[in-house]
Amino acid sequence: MSEPVEPAPHPAYLERLDKGVLAYQRCDDCAKAVFHPRVTCPGCGSGRLAWRESAGRGTVYSASALARRDAEPYSVALVDLDEGFRMMSTVVGVPAGDVRIGMRVRARIEPRDGDRAPRPVFTPAEIGREAGR
């Protein structure tokens, strides 16, 4: 007899985002924080991954300002969350060129909009000080 199949992790992640929760997984065997949601731990191969809720605080690891034709530039950033995982997102609330490596940020969830899924974005933790002003 086979074990029941767990739901795919990405829809479960989106369900949590819809509720305003930035979720990640933690391996019950090696304690590694896991993001993007997966079926097995990339550290030890275990399938014992449990959902956790991130506080949404982190530090910009890398950032780029991308310019679109006829639009304001936007940032693409890798953010190291305090729980021990890294994710790609954008930093909003400051000009894209002002996003700096080492900047402390906090997440907020932009809600679902039509066909666009909810998504986490980041804002400077302290707008004046963190933006280098």
C-alpha atoms as a PDB file:
ATOM      1  CA  MET A   1       0.000   0.000   0.000  1.00  0.00           C
ATOM      2  CA  SER A   2       1.390   3.419  -0.927  1.00  0.00           C
ATOM      3  CA  GLU A   3       1.458   6.477   1.328  1.00  0.00           C
ATOM      4  CA  PRO A   4      -0.933   9.351   0.575  1.00  0.00           C
ATOM      5  CA  VAL A   5       0.472  11.947  -1.790  1.00  0.00           C
ATOM      6  CA  GLU A   6       0.882  15.393  -0.248  1.00  0.00           C
ATOM      7  CA  PRO A   7      -0.445  18.327  -2.256  1.00  0.00           C
ATOM      8  CA  ALA A   8       2.054  20.039  -4.529  1.00  0.00           C
ATOM      9  CA  PRO A   9       4.009  22.599  -2.487  1.00  0.00           C
ATOM     10  CA  HIS A  10       3.577  25.596  -4.812  1.00  0.00           C
ATOM     11  CA  PRO A  11      -0.240  25.773  -4.581  1.00  0.00           C
ATOM     12  CA  ALA A  12       0.062  25.397  -0.790  1.00  0.00           C
ATOM     13  CA  TYR A  13       2.543  28.312  -0.791  1.00  0.00           C
ATOM     14  CA  LEU A  14       0.143  30.463  -2.859  1.00  0.00           C
ATOM     15  CA  GLU A  15      -2.727  29.624  -0.484  1.00  0.00           C
ATOM     16  CA  ARG A  16      -0.638  30.975   2.375  1.00  0.00           C
ATOM     17  CA  LEU A  17       0.229  34.125   0.399  1.00  0.00           C
ATOM     18  CA  ASP A  18      -3.500  34.634  -0.249  1.00  0.00           C
ATOM     19  CA  LYS A  19      -3.900  34.699   3.552  1.00  0.00           C
ATOM     20  CA  GLY A  20      -1.106  37.277   3.894  1.00  0.00           C
ATOM     21  CA  VAL A  21       1.492  34.781   5.133  1.00  0.00           C
ATOM     22  CA  LEU A  22       5.038  34.529   3.755  1.00  0.00           C
ATOM     23  CA  ALA A  23       5.695  30.819   4.178  1.00  0.00           C
ATOM     24  CA  TYR A  24       8.787  28.684   3.850  1.00  0.00           C
ATOM     25  CA  GLN A  25       9.605  25.105   4.760  1.00  0.00           C
ATOM     26  CA  ARG A  26      11.976  23.710   7.370  1.00  0.00           C
ATOM     27  CA  CYS A  27      13.368  20.197   7.186  1.00  0.00           C
ATOM     28  CA  ASP A  28      12.440  18.126  10.233  1.00  0.00           C
ATOM     29  CA  ASP A  29      15.597  16.035   9.784  1.00  0.00           C
ATOM     30  CA  CYS A  30      18.431  18.527   9.146  1.00  0.00           C
ATOM     31  CA  ALA A  31      16.677  21.780  10.213  1.00  0.00           C
ATOM     32  CA  LYS A  32      17.560  23.532   6.910  1.00  0.00           C
ATOM     33  CA  ALA A  33      15.242  26.386   5.890  1.00  0.00           C
ATOM     34  CA  VAL A  34      13.901  25.617   2.417  1.00  0.00           C
ATOM     35  CA  PHE A  35      12.636  28.079  -0.171  1.00  0.00           C
ATOM     36  CA  HIS A  36      11.216  27.836  -2.947  1.00  0.00           C
ATOM     37  CA  PRO A  37       8.782  25.182  -1.710  1.00  0.00           C
ATOM     38  CA  ARG A  38       9.834  21.651  -2.596  1.00  0.00           C
ATOM     39  CA  VAL A  39       8.903  18.043  -2.036  1.00  0.00           C
ATOM     40  CA  THR A  40      12.332  17.046  -0.692  1.00  0.00           C
ATOM     41  CA  CYS A  41      15.005  18.873   1.270  1.00  0.00           C
ATOM     42  CA  PRO A  42      17.889  20.051  -0.963  1.00  0.00           C
ATOM     43  CA  GLY A  43      20.258  19.625   1.999  1.00  0.00           C
ATOM     44  CA  CYS A  44      19.636  16.028   3.038  1.00  0.00           C
ATOM     45  CA  GLY A  45      17.006  14.625   0.676  1.00  0.00           C
ATOM     46  CA  SER A  46      14.390  14.126   3.382  1.00  0.00           C
ATOM     47  CA  GLY A  47      10.736  14.439   2.513  1.00  0.00           C
ATOM     48  CA  ARG A  48       9.903  15.654   6.025  1.00  0.00           C
ATOM     49  CA  LEU A  49       9.372  19.346   5.292  1.00  0.00           C
ATOM     50  CA  ALA A  50       7.132  21.385   7.561  1.00  0.00           C
ATOM     51  CA  TRP A  51       5.612  24.763   6.756  1.00  0.00           C
ATOM     52  CA  ARG A  52       6.719  27.751   8.818  1.00  0.00           C
ATOM     53  CA  GLU A  53       5.682  31.402   8.793  1.00  0.00           C
ATOM     54  CA  SER A  54       8.403  33.953   8.120  1.00  0.00           C
ATOM     55  CA  ALA A  55       8.452  37.196  10.081  1.00  0.00           C
ATOM     56  CA  GLY A  56       9.386  38.788   6.743  1.00  0.00           C
ATOM     57  CA  ARG A  57      12.510  40.587   7.925  1.00  0.00           C
ATOM     58  CA  GLY A  58      15.713  40.321   5.973  1.00  0.00           C
ATOM     59  CA  THR A  59      18.760  41.888   4.365  1.00  0.00           C
ATOM     60  CA  VAL A  60      19.362  42.686   0.704  1.00  0.00           C
ATOM     61  CA  TYR A  61      22.063  40.316  -0.558  1.00  0.00           C
ATOM     62  CA  SER A  62      22.145  41.598  -4.147  1.00  0.00           C
ATOM     63  CA  ALA A  63      20.201  44.211  -6.103  1.00  0.00           C
ATOM     64  CA  SER A  64      19.839  45.483  -9.646  1.00  0.00           C
ATOM     65  CA  ALA A  65      17.840  48.370 -11.067  1.00  0.00           C
ATOM     66  CA  LEU A  66      16.146  47.421 -14.314  1.00  0.00           C
ATOM     67  CA  ALA A  67      14.906  50.090 -16.709  1.00  0.00           C
ATOM     68  CA  ARG A  68      11.879  49.609 -18.917  1.00  0.00           C
ATOM     69  CA  ARG A  69      11.108  51.746 -21.916  1.00  0.00           C
ATOM     70  CA  ASP A  70       8.702  54.544 -20.951  1.00  0.00           C
ATOM     71  CA  ALA A  71       8.507  53.442 -17.301  1.00  0.00           C
ATOM     72  CA  GLU A  72      10.321  54.005 -14.043  1.00  0.00           C
ATOM     73  CA  PRO A  73      13.146  51.566 -13.247  1.00  0.00           C
ATOM     74  CA  TYR A  74      12.329  48.780 -10.794  1.00  0.00           C
ATOM     75  CA  SER A  75      14.534  46.750  -8.494  1.00  0.00           C
ATOM     76  CA  VAL A  76      15.222  43.048  -8.586  1.00  0.00           C
ATOM     77  CA  ALA A  77      16.746  41.898  -5.324  1.00  0.00           C
ATOM     78  CA  LEU A  78      17.913  38.746  -3.602  1.00  0.00           C
ATOM     79  CA  VAL A  79      16.906  38.996   0.041  1.00  0.00           C
ATOM     80  CA  ASP A  80      18.320  36.866   2.850  1.00  0.00           C
ATOM     81  CA  LEU A  81      15.472  36.308   5.300  1.00  0.00           C
ATOM     82  CA  ASP A  82      16.326  36.115   8.984  1.00  0.00           C
ATOM     83  CA  GLU A  83      14.993  32.531   9.137  1.00  0.00           C
ATOM     84  CA  GLY A  84      17.838  31.360   6.892  1.00  0.00           C
ATOM     85  CA  PHE A  85      16.528  31.303   3.329  1.00  0.00           C
ATOM     86  CA  ARG A  86      17.049  33.559   0.304  1.00  0.00           C
ATOM     87  CA  MET A  87      14.396  34.711  -2.136  1.00  0.00           C
ATOM     88  CA  MET A  88      14.190  36.886  -5.228  1.00  0.00           C
ATOM     89  CA  SER A  89      11.744  39.766  -5.164  1.00  0.00           C
ATOM     90  CA  THR A  90      11.631  43.535  -5.532  1.00  0.00           C
ATOM     91  CA  VAL A  91      12.104  46.401  -3.083  1.00  0.00           C
ATOM     92  CA  VAL A  92       9.382  49.037  -3.330  1.00  0.00           C
ATOM     93  CA  GLY A  93       8.933  52.386  -1.615  1.00  0.00           C
ATOM     94  CA  VAL A  94      12.312  53.780  -2.698  1.00  0.00           C
ATOM     95  CA  PRO A  95      13.787  54.465  -6.152  1.00  0.00           C
ATOM     96  CA  ALA A  96      15.268  51.300  -7.656  1.00  0.00           C
ATOM     97  CA  GLY A  97      18.751  52.856  -7.727  1.00  0.00           C
ATOM     98  CA  ASP A  98      18.617  53.464  -3.964  1.00  0.00           C
ATOM     99  CA  VAL A  99      18.313  49.770  -3.056  1.00  0.00           C
ATOM    100  CA  ARG A 100      21.646  48.771  -1.510  1.00  0.00           C
ATOM    101  CA  ILE A 101      23.364  45.572  -0.467  1.00  0.00           C
ATOM    102  CA  GLY A 102      23.039  45.243   3.301  1.00  0.00           C
ATOM    103  CA  MET A 103      19.774  47.238   3.444  1.00  0.00           C
ATOM    104  CA  ARG A 104      17.364  45.865   6.044  1.00  0.00           C
ATOM    105  CA  VAL A 105      13.935  45.191   4.567  1.00  0.00           C
ATOM    106  CA  ARG A 106      10.583  43.760   5.570  1.00  0.00           C
ATOM    107  CA  ALA A 107       8.081  41.847   3.467  1.00  0.00           C
ATOM    108  CA  ARG A 108       4.514  42.648   2.645  1.00  0.00           C
ATOM    109  CA  ILE A 109       2.202  40.610   0.469  1.00  0.00           C
ATOM    110  CA  GLU A 110       0.655  42.219  -2.588  1.00  0.00           C
ATOM    111  CA  PRO A 111      -2.768  40.598  -2.991  1.00  0.00           C
ATOM    112  CA  ARG A 112      -3.998  38.642  -5.980  1.00  0.00           C
ATOM    113  CA  ASP A 113      -4.971  40.937  -8.853  1.00  0.00           C
ATOM    114  CA  GLY A 114      -6.966  39.304 -11.630  1.00  0.00           C
ATOM    115  CA  ASP A 115      -4.770  36.595 -13.143  1.00  0.00           C
ATOM    116  CA  ARG A 116      -1.693  37.725 -11.172  1.00  0.00           C
ATOM    117  CA  ALA A 117      -0.946  35.589  -8.127  1.00  0.00           C
ATOM    118  CA  PRO A 118      -0.222  37.253  -4.779  1.00  0.00           C
ATOM    119  CA  ARG A 119       3.442  38.095  -4.342  1.00  0.00           C
ATOM    120  CA  PRO A 120       5.793  39.144  -1.588  1.00  0.00           C
ATOM    121  CA  VAL A 121       7.586  42.446  -2.049  1.00  0.00           C
ATOM    122  CA  PHE A 122       9.937  44.218   0.320  1.00  0.00           C
ATOM    123  CA  THR A 123      10.102  47.734   1.724  1.00  0.00           C
ATOM    124  CA  PRO A 124      13.013  49.331   3.570  1.00  0.00           C
ATOM    125  CA  ALA A 125      12.756  48.553   7.273  1.00  0.00           C
ATOM    126  CA  GLU A 126      13.436  52.210   8.067  1.00  0.00           C
ATOM    127  CA  ILE A 127      12.993  54.344   4.994  1.00  0.00           C
ATOM    128  CA  GLY A 128      15.319  57.239   5.870  1.00  0.00           C
ATOM    129  CA  ARG A 129      18.209  55.357   7.445  1.00  0.00           C
ATOM    130  CA  GLU A 130      18.073  52.174   5.355  1.00  0.00           C
ATOM    131  CA  ALA A 131      18.017  53.992   2.012  1.00  0.00           C
ATOM    132  CA  GLY A 132      21.301  55.676   2.866  1.00  0.00           C
ATOM    133  CA  ARG A 133      19.771  59.081   3.504  1.00  0.00           C
END
